[in-house]
């Protein structure tokens, strides 16, 4: 009899248990998008970032306060983590040498200071998170103070919801009165500093209880001021006698603790910059940096652009009448420059 004539096959029954499934060649389970909740995560302040490693402060102001070295979780690889962030950390939190914790989340930020490479660059560079004050450091001379750069700092601070402060260093080399007149009418507390006469107590009183980011052009004495306030040893540079430019000495932002008669606070020292792009800023926030001009703008007609060719602009009329003081023309010029820049940016976006 031929095997083809075997009629017993009709009586066979098969189920799923009869099917052989090859094992996973990688011997692991498929990845899932679900991530653990990390209910045991602790909150720590980010103090510094260095080549993918984050120094965080755990148990701040407690007897068990300690610094811990951490790395970021894979799911946070596209999220910027910067100085001032309040990070959720898990893992080895002892802070012992050779240990490494892991950042698994970032708490909601109260503020975020950003800048772009230039006014046409929409890519944001996040500088610091959760700061509530910005101390702008300029020199009365060597290098010469730049009013327009300070204007840009003011706009960036206002856009981030941060209170600006200003300190003028090297006043023993030049009188800053004319420079400071540019900021008349702006809600801006000003400190002056000279060699051997730093107003450390006054500045300390202003930064106690706050998280203050220090910004400034290279070579203005920012690192010297930071060292005097915090007792740190940030590198100090000098101004090039040929170019008049300062040399970058702070290569990365770092958080340093201030302790003084008025209490404690945080100083966030940032690298010196020669430009501060505002491509990321909402142009509607620009006017707010000029307090007196913003008040005059309340009388402007609806839809007023406040540009030089704007008809019946109440700001221009107030400045022309002398009602806003002798420095108002320079402030209006700064406003016009910034608004014109933003207008050109918007035009290029539409054309592109």
C-alpha atoms as a PDB file:
ATOM      1  CA  UNK A   1       0.000   0.000   0.000  1.00  0.00           C
ATOM      2  CA  UNK A   2       1.279   3.468  -0.882  1.00  0.00           C
ATOM      3  CA  UNK A   3       1.674   6.057   1.830  1.00  0.00           C
ATOM      4  CA  UNK A   4      -0.563   8.292  -0.301  1.00  0.00           C
ATOM      5  CA  UNK A   5      -3.445   6.000   0.498  1.00  0.00           C
ATOM      6  CA  UNK A   6      -3.092   6.452   4.255  1.00  0.00           C
ATOM      7  CA  UNK A   7      -6.503   7.680   5.274  1.00  0.00           C
ATOM      8  CA  UNK A   8      -5.698   8.269   8.967  1.00  0.00           C
ATOM      9  CA  UNK A   9      -4.675  11.958   8.311  1.00  0.00           C
ATOM     10  CA  UNK A  10      -8.284  13.043   8.288  1.00  0.00           C
ATOM     11  CA  UNK A  11      -8.609  12.021  11.904  1.00  0.00           C
ATOM     12  CA  UNK A  12      -5.633  14.150  13.136  1.00  0.00           C
ATOM     13  CA  UNK A  13      -6.369  17.329  15.098  1.00  0.00           C
ATOM     14  CA  UNK A  14      -3.986  20.260  15.559  1.00  0.00           C
ATOM     15  CA  UNK A  15      -3.989  23.126  18.068  1.00  0.00           C
ATOM     16  CA  UNK A  16      -1.625  26.043  18.913  1.00  0.00           C
ATOM     17  CA  UNK A  17       0.461  23.864  21.198  1.00  0.00           C
ATOM     18  CA  UNK A  18       1.569  21.903  18.166  1.00  0.00           C
ATOM     19  CA  UNK A  19       3.328  24.920  16.646  1.00  0.00           C
ATOM     20  CA  UNK A  20       7.013  25.380  17.389  1.00  0.00           C
ATOM     21  CA  UNK A  21       8.099  28.997  17.891  1.00  0.00           C
ATOM     22  CA  UNK A  22      11.723  29.898  17.526  1.00  0.00           C
ATOM     23  CA  UNK A  23      13.178  31.719  20.514  1.00  0.00           C
ATOM     24  CA  UNK A  24      14.089  35.418  20.267  1.00  0.00           C
ATOM     25  CA  UNK A  25      17.580  35.417  18.727  1.00  0.00           C
ATOM     26  CA  UNK A  26      18.552  38.400  20.938  1.00  0.00           C
ATOM     27  CA  UNK A  27      17.293  36.568  24.024  1.00  0.00           C
ATOM     28  CA  UNK A  28      15.494  39.635  25.376  1.00  0.00           C
ATOM     29  CA  UNK A  29      11.969  40.950  25.558  1.00  0.00           C
ATOM     30  CA  UNK A  30      10.695  43.556  23.086  1.00  0.00           C
ATOM     31  CA  UNK A  31      11.219  47.154  24.290  1.00  0.00           C
ATOM     32  CA  UNK A  32       8.237  48.951  25.712  1.00  0.00           C
ATOM     33  CA  UNK A  33       7.505  52.675  25.754  1.00  0.00           C
ATOM     34  CA  UNK A  34       6.305  52.439  29.327  1.00  0.00           C
ATOM     35  CA  UNK A  35       8.780  53.781  31.829  1.00  0.00           C
ATOM     36  CA  UNK A  36       8.917  53.291  35.594  1.00  0.00           C
ATOM     37  CA  UNK A  37       7.301  56.016  37.696  1.00  0.00           C
ATOM     38  CA  UNK A  38      10.365  56.375  39.973  1.00  0.00           C
ATOM     39  CA  UNK A  39       8.201  57.184  42.979  1.00  0.00           C
ATOM     40  CA  UNK A  40      11.331  57.049  45.131  1.00  0.00           C
ATOM     41  CA  UNK A  41      13.141  59.778  43.160  1.00  0.00           C
ATOM     42  CA  UNK A  42      14.694  62.626  45.161  1.00  0.00           C
ATOM     43  CA  UNK A  43      14.785  66.303  44.141  1.00  0.00           C
ATOM     44  CA  UNK A  44      18.245  67.855  43.652  1.00  0.00           C
ATOM     45  CA  UNK A  45      19.575  71.167  42.326  1.00  0.00           C
ATOM     46  CA  UNK A  46      21.759  71.007  39.214  1.00  0.00           C
ATOM     47  CA  UNK A  47      25.009  72.876  39.949  1.00  0.00           C
ATOM     48  CA  UNK A  48      27.092  72.144  36.881  1.00  0.00           C
ATOM     49  CA  UNK A  49      27.408  70.152  33.686  1.00  0.00           C
ATOM     50  CA  UNK A  50      30.642  68.634  32.386  1.00  0.00           C
ATOM     51  CA  UNK A  51      30.834  66.248  29.413  1.00  0.00           C
ATOM     52  CA  UNK A  52      27.544  64.513  30.066  1.00  0.00           C
ATOM     53  CA  UNK A  53      27.950  64.365  33.833  1.00  0.00           C
ATOM     54  CA  UNK A  54      25.841  66.513  36.132  1.00  0.00           C
ATOM     55  CA  UNK A  55      26.807  67.705  39.601  1.00  0.00           C
ATOM     56  CA  UNK A  56      23.634  67.954  41.687  1.00  0.00           C
ATOM     57  CA  UNK A  57      23.022  69.069  45.267  1.00  0.00           C
ATOM     58  CA  UNK A  58      20.890  66.770  47.378  1.00  0.00           C
ATOM     59  CA  UNK A  59      19.190  67.654  50.694  1.00  0.00           C
ATOM     60  CA  UNK A  60      19.889  71.364  50.229  1.00  0.00           C
ATOM     61  CA  UNK A  61      20.333  73.293  53.514  1.00  0.00           C
ATOM     62  CA  UNK A  62      19.979  70.076  55.524  1.00  0.00           C
ATOM     63  CA  UNK A  63      22.650  68.428  57.728  1.00  0.00           C
ATOM     64  CA  UNK A  64      22.822  65.629  55.141  1.00  0.00           C
ATOM     65  CA  UNK A  65      23.454  68.033  52.239  1.00  0.00           C
ATOM     66  CA  UNK A  66      25.855  66.498  49.710  1.00  0.00           C
ATOM     67  CA  UNK A  67      26.944  66.688  46.093  1.00  0.00           C
ATOM     68  CA  UNK A  68      26.191  63.772  43.841  1.00  0.00           C
ATOM     69  CA  UNK A  69      27.462  63.003  40.361  1.00  0.00           C
ATOM     70  CA  UNK A  70      24.722  61.908  37.968  1.00  0.00           C
ATOM     71  CA  UNK A  71      24.016  61.042  34.364  1.00  0.00           C
ATOM     72  CA  UNK A  72      20.774  61.502  32.461  1.00  0.00           C
ATOM     73  CA  UNK A  73      18.282  58.757  31.682  1.00  0.00           C
ATOM     74  CA  UNK A  74      17.934  57.702  28.066  1.00  0.00           C
ATOM     75  CA  UNK A  75      14.420  59.119  27.801  1.00  0.00           C
ATOM     76  CA  UNK A  76      15.788  62.601  28.618  1.00  0.00           C
ATOM     77  CA  UNK A  77      18.422  62.614  25.875  1.00  0.00           C
ATOM     78  CA  UNK A  78      16.584  65.296  23.885  1.00  0.00           C
ATOM     79  CA  UNK A  79      15.733  67.511  26.858  1.00  0.00           C
ATOM     80  CA  UNK A  80      18.254  70.170  27.916  1.00  0.00           C
ATOM     81  CA  UNK A  81      19.342  69.967  31.554  1.00  0.00           C
ATOM     82  CA  UNK A  82      20.963  73.182  32.768  1.00  0.00           C
ATOM     83  CA  UNK A  83      22.163  74.974  35.875  1.00  0.00           C
ATOM     84  CA  UNK A  84      19.349  75.738  38.282  1.00  0.00           C
ATOM     85  CA  UNK A  85      17.158  72.846  37.179  1.00  0.00           C
ATOM     86  CA  UNK A  86      15.431  70.863  39.913  1.00  0.00           C
ATOM     87  CA  UNK A  87      16.122  67.296  38.866  1.00  0.00           C
ATOM     88  CA  UNK A  88      14.547  64.017  39.975  1.00  0.00           C
ATOM     89  CA  UNK A  89      17.367  61.587  40.721  1.00  0.00           C
ATOM     90  CA  UNK A  90      17.517  57.895  41.554  1.00  0.00           C
ATOM     91  CA  UNK A  91      20.227  55.312  42.054  1.00  0.00           C
ATOM     92  CA  UNK A  92      23.266  55.640  44.291  1.00  0.00           C
ATOM     93  CA  UNK A  93      22.727  58.962  46.085  1.00  0.00           C
ATOM     94  CA  UNK A  94      25.511  58.587  48.611  1.00  0.00           C
ATOM     95  CA  UNK A  95      27.814  60.996  46.814  1.00  0.00           C
ATOM     96  CA  UNK A  96      30.769  58.699  47.441  1.00  0.00           C
ATOM     97  CA  UNK A  97      33.660  58.733  44.993  1.00  0.00           C
ATOM     98  CA  UNK A  98      33.069  56.447  42.052  1.00  0.00           C
ATOM     99  CA  UNK A  99      29.275  56.396  42.426  1.00  0.00           C
ATOM    100  CA  UNK A 100      26.833  57.613  39.785  1.00  0.00           C
ATOM    101  CA  UNK A 101      23.170  58.543  40.152  1.00  0.00           C
ATOM    102  CA  UNK A 102      20.673  58.975  37.323  1.00  0.00           C
ATOM    103  CA  UNK A 103      18.460  61.939  36.448  1.00  0.00           C
ATOM    104  CA  UNK A 104      15.024  60.617  35.447  1.00  0.00           C
ATOM    105  CA  UNK A 105      13.029  63.849  35.271  1.00  0.00           C
ATOM    106  CA  UNK A 106      13.030  67.631  35.529  1.00  0.00           C
ATOM    107  CA  UNK A 107      10.565  69.533  37.724  1.00  0.00           C
ATOM    108  CA  UNK A 108       8.530  72.337  36.167  1.00  0.00           C
ATOM    109  CA  UNK A 109      10.655  75.448  35.689  1.00  0.00           C
ATOM    110  CA  UNK A 110       9.684  78.855  37.073  1.00  0.00           C
ATOM    111  CA  UNK A 111      11.857  80.681  34.522  1.00  0.00           C
ATOM    112  CA  UNK A 112      14.156  79.889  31.630  1.00  0.00           C
ATOM    113  CA  UNK A 113      16.851  82.260  30.376  1.00  0.00           C
ATOM    114  CA  UNK A 114      17.744  81.667  26.733  1.00  0.00           C
ATOM    115  CA  UNK A 115      19.714  83.251  23.938  1.00  0.00           C
ATOM    116  CA  UNK A 116      20.356  82.576  20.268  1.00  0.00           C
ATOM    117  CA  UNK A 117      23.583  82.867  18.295  1.00  0.00           C
ATOM    118  CA  UNK A 118      22.209  85.900  16.448  1.00  0.00           C
ATOM    119  CA  UNK A 119      18.902  87.625  15.778  1.00  0.00           C
ATOM    120  CA  UNK A 120      18.110  85.433  12.757  1.00  0.00           C
ATOM    121  CA  UNK A 121      18.844  82.137  14.511  1.00  0.00           C
ATOM    122  CA  UNK A 122      15.743  80.400  15.847  1.00  0.00           C
ATOM    123  CA  UNK A 123      17.790  77.769  17.682  1.00  0.00           C
ATOM    124  CA  UNK A 124      17.670  78.535  21.392  1.00  0.00           C
ATOM    125  CA  UNK A 125      20.637  78.136  23.714  1.00  0.00           C
ATOM    126  CA  UNK A 126      19.293  77.504  27.185  1.00  0.00           C
ATOM    127  CA  UNK A 127      21.526  79.237  29.734  1.00  0.00           C
ATOM    128  CA  UNK A 128      19.940  78.726  33.137  1.00  0.00           C
ATOM    129  CA  UNK A 129      16.654  77.643  34.703  1.00  0.00           C
ATOM    130  CA  UNK A 130      14.716  78.868  37.744  1.00  0.00           C
ATOM    131  CA  UNK A 131      16.727  82.080  38.200  1.00  0.00           C
ATOM    132  CA  UNK A 132      14.702  85.033  39.498  1.00  0.00           C
ATOM    133  CA  UNK A 133      17.358  87.734  39.018  1.00  0.00           C
ATOM    134  CA  UNK A 134      19.954  88.706  36.410  1.00  0.00           C
ATOM    135  CA  UNK A 135      22.999  90.746  37.404  1.00  0.00           C
ATOM    136  CA  UNK A 136      24.402  92.465  34.312  1.00  0.00           C
ATOM    137  CA  UNK A 137      28.092  93.303  34.709  1.00  0.00           C
ATOM    138  CA  UNK A 138      29.662  96.029  32.546  1.00  0.00           C
ATOM    139  CA  UNK A 139      32.897  98.011  32.859  1.00  0.00           C
ATOM    140  CA  UNK A 140      33.099 101.799  32.805  1.00  0.00           C
ATOM    141  CA  UNK A 141      36.246 101.384  30.673  1.00  0.00           C
ATOM    142  CA  UNK A 142      38.674  98.730  29.424  1.00  0.00           C
ATOM    143  CA  UNK A 143      36.582  97.462  27.652  1.00  0.00           C
ATOM    144  CA  UNK A 144      34.211 100.324  26.876  1.00  0.00           C
ATOM    145  CA  UNK A 145      30.598  99.770  27.973  1.00  0.00           C
ATOM    146  CA  UNK A 146      28.150  98.731  25.270  1.00  0.00           C
ATOM    147  CA  UNK A 147      24.686 100.192  25.743  1.00  0.00           C
ATOM    148  CA  UNK A 148      23.117  98.021  23.039  1.00  0.00           C
ATOM    149  CA  UNK A 149      24.360  94.813  24.634  1.00  0.00           C
ATOM    150  CA  UNK A 150      22.852  95.836  27.964  1.00  0.00           C
ATOM    151  CA  UNK A 151      19.577  96.587  26.172  1.00  0.00           C
ATOM    152  CA  UNK A 152      19.593  93.036  24.870  1.00  0.00           C
ATOM    153  CA  UNK A 153      20.225  91.608  28.329  1.00  0.00           C
ATOM    154  CA  UNK A 154      17.271  93.621  29.629  1.00  0.00           C
ATOM    155  CA  UNK A 155      14.976  92.306  26.896  1.00  0.00           C
ATOM    156  CA  UNK A 156      16.084  88.696  27.533  1.00  0.00           C
ATOM    157  CA  UNK A 157      15.503  89.111  31.280  1.00  0.00           C
ATOM    158  CA  UNK A 158      12.061  90.572  30.764  1.00  0.00           C
ATOM    159  CA  UNK A 159      11.132  87.825  28.315  1.00  0.00           C
ATOM    160  CA  UNK A 160      12.128  85.237  30.939  1.00  0.00           C
ATOM    161  CA  UNK A 161      10.331  87.011  33.780  1.00  0.00           C
ATOM    162  CA  UNK A 162      13.607  87.742  35.591  1.00  0.00           C
ATOM    163  CA  UNK A 163      14.378  90.937  37.531  1.00  0.00           C
ATOM    164  CA  UNK A 164      17.446  92.732  36.112  1.00  0.00           C
ATOM    165  CA  UNK A 165      20.218  94.365  38.178  1.00  0.00           C
ATOM    166  CA  UNK A 166      23.266  96.262  36.886  1.00  0.00           C
ATOM    167  CA  UNK A 167      26.772  96.664  38.283  1.00  0.00           C
ATOM    168  CA  UNK A 168      29.362  98.948  36.650  1.00  0.00           C
ATOM    169  CA  UNK A 169      32.942  97.930  37.425  1.00  0.00           C
ATOM    170  CA  UNK A 170      36.225  99.836  36.991  1.00  0.00           C
ATOM    171  CA  UNK A 171      34.638 103.188  37.861  1.00  0.00           C
ATOM    172  CA  UNK A 172      38.093 104.280  39.015  1.00  0.00           C
ATOM    173  CA  UNK A 173      39.062 104.338  35.313  1.00  0.00           C
ATOM    174  CA  UNK A 174      36.119 106.341  33.961  1.00  0.00           C
ATOM    175  CA  UNK A 175      32.988 108.145  35.100  1.00  0.00           C
ATOM    176  CA  UNK A 176      29.925 106.012  34.217  1.00  0.00           C
ATOM    177  CA  UNK A 177      27.397 108.867  34.577  1.00  0.00           C
ATOM    178  CA  UNK A 178      26.892 109.406  30.856  1.00  0.00           C
ATOM    179  CA  UNK A 179      26.559 105.674  30.238  1.00  0.00           C
ATOM    180  CA  UNK A 180      24.048 105.247  33.054  1.00  0.00           C
ATOM    181  CA  UNK A 181      21.919 108.127  31.765  1.00  0.00           C
ATOM    182  CA  UNK A 182      20.924 105.829  28.931  1.00  0.00           C
ATOM    183  CA  UNK A 183      18.910 103.789  31.446  1.00  0.00           C
ATOM    184  CA  UNK A 184      17.091 106.641  33.162  1.00  0.00           C
ATOM    185  CA  UNK A 185      13.450 105.758  33.567  1.00  0.00           C
ATOM    186  CA  UNK A 186      14.118 102.008  33.511  1.00  0.00           C
ATOM    187  CA  UNK A 187      13.297 100.024  36.644  1.00  0.00           C
ATOM    188  CA  UNK A 188      16.890  98.970  37.196  1.00  0.00           C
ATOM    189  CA  UNK A 189      18.907  98.932  40.420  1.00  0.00           C
ATOM    190  CA  UNK A 190      22.509 100.000  39.760  1.00  0.00           C
ATOM    191  CA  UNK A 191      25.709  99.290  41.725  1.00  0.00           C
ATOM    192  CA  UNK A 192      29.112 100.861  41.021  1.00  0.00           C
ATOM    193  CA  UNK A 193      32.416  99.175  41.765  1.00  0.00           C
ATOM    194  CA  UNK A 194      36.048 100.298  41.727  1.00  0.00           C
ATOM    195  CA  UNK A 195      39.363  98.673  42.473  1.00  0.00           C
ATOM    196  CA  UNK A 196      39.553  98.192  46.221  1.00  0.00           C
ATOM    197  CA  UNK A 197      35.969  99.391  46.683  1.00  0.00           C
ATOM    198  CA  UNK A 198      33.602  96.585  45.671  1.00  0.00           C
ATOM    199  CA  UNK A 199      30.060  97.015  47.070  1.00  0.00           C
ATOM    200  CA  UNK A 200      29.995  93.383  48.237  1.00  0.00           C
ATOM    201  CA  UNK A 201      27.610  93.948  51.142  1.00  0.00           C
ATOM    202  CA  UNK A 202      25.122  95.870  48.982  1.00  0.00           C
ATOM    203  CA  UNK A 203      25.219  93.299  46.196  1.00  0.00           C
ATOM    204  CA  UNK A 204      25.097  90.482  48.735  1.00  0.00           C
ATOM    205  CA  UNK A 205      21.966  91.957  50.278  1.00  0.00           C
ATOM    206  CA  UNK A 206      20.361  92.080  46.823  1.00  0.00           C
ATOM    207  CA  UNK A 207      21.173  88.458  45.939  1.00  0.00           C
ATOM    208  CA  UNK A 208      20.497  86.856  49.337  1.00  0.00           C
ATOM    209  CA  UNK A 209      17.470  84.605  49.116  1.00  0.00           C
ATOM    210  CA  UNK A 210      17.584  84.630  45.315  1.00  0.00           C
ATOM    211  CA  UNK A 211      19.015  82.665  42.424  1.00  0.00           C
ATOM    212  CA  UNK A 212      20.942  85.255  40.407  1.00  0.00           C
ATOM    213  CA  UNK A 213      22.540  84.652  37.030  1.00  0.00           C
ATOM    214  CA  UNK A 214      25.610  86.805  36.321  1.00  0.00           C
ATOM    215  CA  UNK A 215      26.074  87.869  32.677  1.00  0.00           C
ATOM    216  CA  UNK A 216      28.509  90.197  30.976  1.00  0.00           C
ATOM    217  CA  UNK A 217      30.941  90.899  28.197  1.00  0.00           C
ATOM    218  CA  UNK A 218      34.318  89.177  28.450  1.00  0.00           C
ATOM    219  CA  UNK A 219      36.881  91.129  30.482  1.00  0.00           C
ATOM    220  CA  UNK A 220      34.488  93.315  32.507  1.00  0.00           C
ATOM    221  CA  UNK A 221      35.460  91.800  35.859  1.00  0.00           C
ATOM    222  CA  UNK A 222      32.542  89.432  36.268  1.00  0.00           C
ATOM    223  CA  UNK A 223      34.640  86.501  37.471  1.00  0.00           C
ATOM    224  CA  UNK A 224      36.502  88.785  39.897  1.00  0.00           C
ATOM    225  CA  UNK A 225      33.179  89.857  41.385  1.00  0.00           C
ATOM    226  CA  UNK A 226      31.935  86.261  41.566  1.00  0.00           C
ATOM    227  CA  UNK A 227      35.108  85.152  43.349  1.00  0.00           C
ATOM    228  CA  UNK A 228      34.833  87.988  45.873  1.00  0.00           C
ATOM    229  CA  UNK A 229      31.194  87.145  46.644  1.00  0.00           C
ATOM    230  CA  UNK A 230      31.463  83.363  46.810  1.00  0.00           C
ATOM    231  CA  UNK A 231      35.072  82.697  47.776  1.00  0.00           C
ATOM    232  CA  UNK A 232      35.510  80.563  44.657  1.00  0.00           C
ATOM    233  CA  UNK A 233      38.495  80.568  42.329  1.00  0.00           C
ATOM    234  CA  UNK A 234      37.001  81.127  38.888  1.00  0.00           C
ATOM    235  CA  UNK A 235      39.688  81.947  36.309  1.00  0.00           C
ATOM    236  CA  UNK A 236      40.268  85.657  35.697  1.00  0.00           C
ATOM    237  CA  UNK A 237      41.245  87.043  32.296  1.00  0.00           C
ATOM    238  CA  UNK A 238      42.597  90.306  30.948  1.00  0.00           C
ATOM    239  CA  UNK A 239      41.630  92.629  28.121  1.00  0.00           C
ATOM    240  CA  UNK A 240      43.657  92.488  24.908  1.00  0.00           C
ATOM    241  CA  UNK A 241      45.399  95.855  24.537  1.00  0.00           C
ATOM    242  CA  UNK A 242      45.213  95.659  20.730  1.00  0.00           C
ATOM    243  CA  UNK A 243      41.610  94.564  20.129  1.00  0.00           C
ATOM    244  CA  UNK A 244      40.108  95.924  23.349  1.00  0.00           C
ATOM    245  CA  UNK A 245      38.309  92.615  23.802  1.00  0.00           C
ATOM    246  CA  UNK A 246      38.268  90.421  26.848  1.00  0.00           C
ATOM    247  CA  UNK A 247      39.322  86.786  26.821  1.00  0.00           C
ATOM    248  CA  UNK A 248      36.783  84.114  27.723  1.00  0.00           C
ATOM    249  CA  UNK A 249      37.805  82.662  31.086  1.00  0.00           C
ATOM    250  CA  UNK A 250      34.569  80.971  32.203  1.00  0.00           C
ATOM    251  CA  UNK A 251      34.032  78.044  29.837  1.00  0.00           C
ATOM    252  CA  UNK A 252      30.778  76.787  31.323  1.00  0.00           C
ATOM    253  CA  UNK A 253      28.025  77.954  33.643  1.00  0.00           C
ATOM    254  CA  UNK A 254      28.313  76.947  37.287  1.00  0.00           C
ATOM    255  CA  UNK A 255      26.206  77.535  40.405  1.00  0.00           C
ATOM    256  CA  UNK A 256      28.026  78.863  43.465  1.00  0.00           C
ATOM    257  CA  UNK A 257      26.605  79.520  46.907  1.00  0.00           C
ATOM    258  CA  UNK A 258      26.744  82.991  48.422  1.00  0.00           C
ATOM    259  CA  UNK A 259      26.792  83.346  52.201  1.00  0.00           C
ATOM    260  CA  UNK A 260      26.829  86.765  53.816  1.00  0.00           C
ATOM    261  CA  UNK A 261      25.394  88.983  56.549  1.00  0.00           C
ATOM    262  CA  UNK A 262      22.045  89.177  54.741  1.00  0.00           C
ATOM    263  CA  UNK A 263      21.741  85.407  54.302  1.00  0.00           C
ATOM    264  CA  UNK A 264      22.547  82.949  51.552  1.00  0.00           C
ATOM    265  CA  UNK A 265      21.720  82.768  47.864  1.00  0.00           C
ATOM    266  CA  UNK A 266      22.888  81.274  44.598  1.00  0.00           C
ATOM    267  CA  UNK A 267      25.218  82.877  42.080  1.00  0.00           C
ATOM    268  CA  UNK A 268      25.161  81.329  38.607  1.00  0.00           C
ATOM    269  CA  UNK A 269      28.258  82.427  36.727  1.00  0.00           C
ATOM    270  CA  UNK A 270      28.020  82.173  32.936  1.00  0.00           C
ATOM    271  CA  UNK A 271      30.689  82.396  30.215  1.00  0.00           C
ATOM    272  CA  UNK A 272      31.341  85.902  28.927  1.00  0.00           C
ATOM    273  CA  UNK A 273      29.680  86.725  25.604  1.00  0.00           C
ATOM    274  CA  UNK A 274      30.291  89.388  22.967  1.00  0.00           C
ATOM    275  CA  UNK A 275      26.808  89.065  21.459  1.00  0.00           C
ATOM    276  CA  UNK A 276      23.399  88.106  22.741  1.00  0.00           C
ATOM    277  CA  UNK A 277      20.972  87.070  20.001  1.00  0.00           C
ATOM    278  CA  UNK A 278      17.257  87.613  20.527  1.00  0.00           C
ATOM    279  CA  UNK A 279      15.900  85.481  17.702  1.00  0.00           C
ATOM    280  CA  UNK A 280      13.864  83.470  20.219  1.00  0.00           C
ATOM    281  CA  UNK A 281      12.228  86.450  21.974  1.00  0.00           C
ATOM    282  CA  UNK A 282       8.644  87.552  21.392  1.00  0.00           C
ATOM    283  CA  UNK A 283       8.891  91.091  19.940  1.00  0.00           C
ATOM    284  CA  UNK A 284       5.898  92.078  22.059  1.00  0.00           C
ATOM    285  CA  UNK A 285       8.149  91.817  25.103  1.00  0.00           C
ATOM    286  CA  UNK A 286      10.774  94.233  23.793  1.00  0.00           C
ATOM    287  CA  UNK A 287       8.921  97.416  24.743  1.00  0.00           C
ATOM    288  CA  UNK A 288       8.532  96.236  28.338  1.00  0.00           C
ATOM    289  CA  UNK A 289      12.287  96.556  28.899  1.00  0.00           C
ATOM    290  CA  UNK A 290      11.954 100.344  28.567  1.00  0.00           C
ATOM    291  CA  UNK A 291       9.671 101.210  31.452  1.00  0.00           C
ATOM    292  CA  UNK A 292       9.129 104.895  30.694  1.00  0.00           C
ATOM    293  CA  UNK A 293       8.629 104.261  26.969  1.00  0.00           C
ATOM    294  CA  UNK A 294       6.109 101.507  27.727  1.00  0.00           C
ATOM    295  CA  UNK A 295       4.079 103.929  29.845  1.00  0.00           C
ATOM    296  CA  UNK A 296       4.050 106.485  27.038  1.00  0.00           C
ATOM    297  CA  UNK A 297       2.980 103.754  24.580  1.00  0.00           C
ATOM    298  CA  UNK A 298      -0.353 103.439  26.387  1.00  0.00           C
ATOM    299  CA  UNK A 299      -1.464 106.569  24.467  1.00  0.00           C
ATOM    300  CA  UNK A 300      -0.470 105.145  21.079  1.00  0.00           C
ATOM    301  CA  UNK A 301      -3.186 104.430  18.500  1.00  0.00           C
ATOM    302  CA  UNK A 302      -4.319 100.838  18.116  1.00  0.00           C
ATOM    303  CA  UNK A 303      -1.877  98.758  16.089  1.00  0.00           C
ATOM    304  CA  UNK A 304       1.030 101.192  16.479  1.00  0.00           C
ATOM    305  CA  UNK A 305       4.331  99.514  15.598  1.00  0.00           C
ATOM    306  CA  UNK A 306       6.444 102.087  17.509  1.00  0.00           C
ATOM    307  CA  UNK A 307       8.871 102.052  14.587  1.00  0.00           C
ATOM    308  CA  UNK A 308      10.529 105.273  13.348  1.00  0.00           C
ATOM    309  CA  UNK A 309       7.938 105.670  10.579  1.00  0.00           C
ATOM    310  CA  UNK A 310       4.910 104.887  12.784  1.00  0.00           C
ATOM    311  CA  UNK A 311       2.328 107.712  12.455  1.00  0.00           C
ATOM    312  CA  UNK A 312       1.114 109.447  15.634  1.00  0.00           C
ATOM    313  CA  UNK A 313       3.329 107.295  17.869  1.00  0.00           C
ATOM    314  CA  UNK A 314       2.881 108.605  21.419  1.00  0.00           C
ATOM    315  CA  UNK A 315       6.384 107.477  22.382  1.00  0.00           C
ATOM    316  CA  UNK A 316       8.035 109.597  19.714  1.00  0.00           C
ATOM    317  CA  UNK A 317       5.866 112.566  20.690  1.00  0.00           C
ATOM    318  CA  UNK A 318       6.734 112.188  24.387  1.00  0.00           C
ATOM    319  CA  UNK A 319      10.458 111.998  23.617  1.00  0.00           C
ATOM    320  CA  UNK A 320      10.320 115.003  21.245  1.00  0.00           C
ATOM    321  CA  UNK A 321       8.559 117.104  23.872  1.00  0.00           C
ATOM    322  CA  UNK A 322      11.261 116.338  26.444  1.00  0.00           C
ATOM    323  CA  UNK A 323       8.729 114.861  28.851  1.00  0.00           C
ATOM    324  CA  UNK A 324      10.773 111.666  29.359  1.00  0.00           C
ATOM    325  CA  UNK A 325      14.074 113.356  30.175  1.00  0.00           C
ATOM    326  CA  UNK A 326      17.346 113.971  28.346  1.00  0.00           C
ATOM    327  CA  UNK A 327      18.272 110.278  27.975  1.00  0.00           C
ATOM    328  CA  UNK A 328      15.003 109.320  26.327  1.00  0.00           C
ATOM    329  CA  UNK A 329      16.286 109.853  22.784  1.00  0.00           C
ATOM    330  CA  UNK A 330      18.997 107.209  23.264  1.00  0.00           C
ATOM    331  CA  UNK A 331      16.511 104.768  24.756  1.00  0.00           C
ATOM    332  CA  UNK A 332      14.079 105.353  21.897  1.00  0.00           C
ATOM    333  CA  UNK A 333      16.923 104.763  19.464  1.00  0.00           C
ATOM    334  CA  UNK A 334      17.643 101.411  21.151  1.00  0.00           C
ATOM    335  CA  UNK A 335      13.975 100.494  20.984  1.00  0.00           C
ATOM    336  CA  UNK A 336      13.850 101.392  17.286  1.00  0.00           C
ATOM    337  CA  UNK A 337      16.966  99.328  16.566  1.00  0.00           C
ATOM    338  CA  UNK A 338      15.550  96.235  18.288  1.00  0.00           C
ATOM    339  CA  UNK A 339      12.087  96.562  16.743  1.00  0.00           C
ATOM    340  CA  UNK A 340      13.582  97.116  13.291  1.00  0.00           C
ATOM    341  CA  UNK A 341      15.707  93.991  13.743  1.00  0.00           C
ATOM    342  CA  UNK A 342      12.666  91.946  14.677  1.00  0.00           C
ATOM    343  CA  UNK A 343      10.744  93.380  11.716  1.00  0.00           C
ATOM    344  CA  UNK A 344      13.533  92.220   9.370  1.00  0.00           C
ATOM    345  CA  UNK A 345      13.536  88.784  10.999  1.00  0.00           C
ATOM    346  CA  UNK A 346       9.776  88.440  10.510  1.00  0.00           C
ATOM    347  CA  UNK A 347      10.035  89.588   6.894  1.00  0.00           C
ATOM    348  CA  UNK A 348      12.733  87.019   6.127  1.00  0.00           C
ATOM    349  CA  UNK A 349      10.591  84.280   7.681  1.00  0.00           C
ATOM    350  CA  UNK A 350       7.642  85.168   5.477  1.00  0.00           C
ATOM    351  CA  UNK A 351       9.773  85.360   2.350  1.00  0.00           C
ATOM    352  CA  UNK A 352      11.539  82.113   3.204  1.00  0.00           C
END
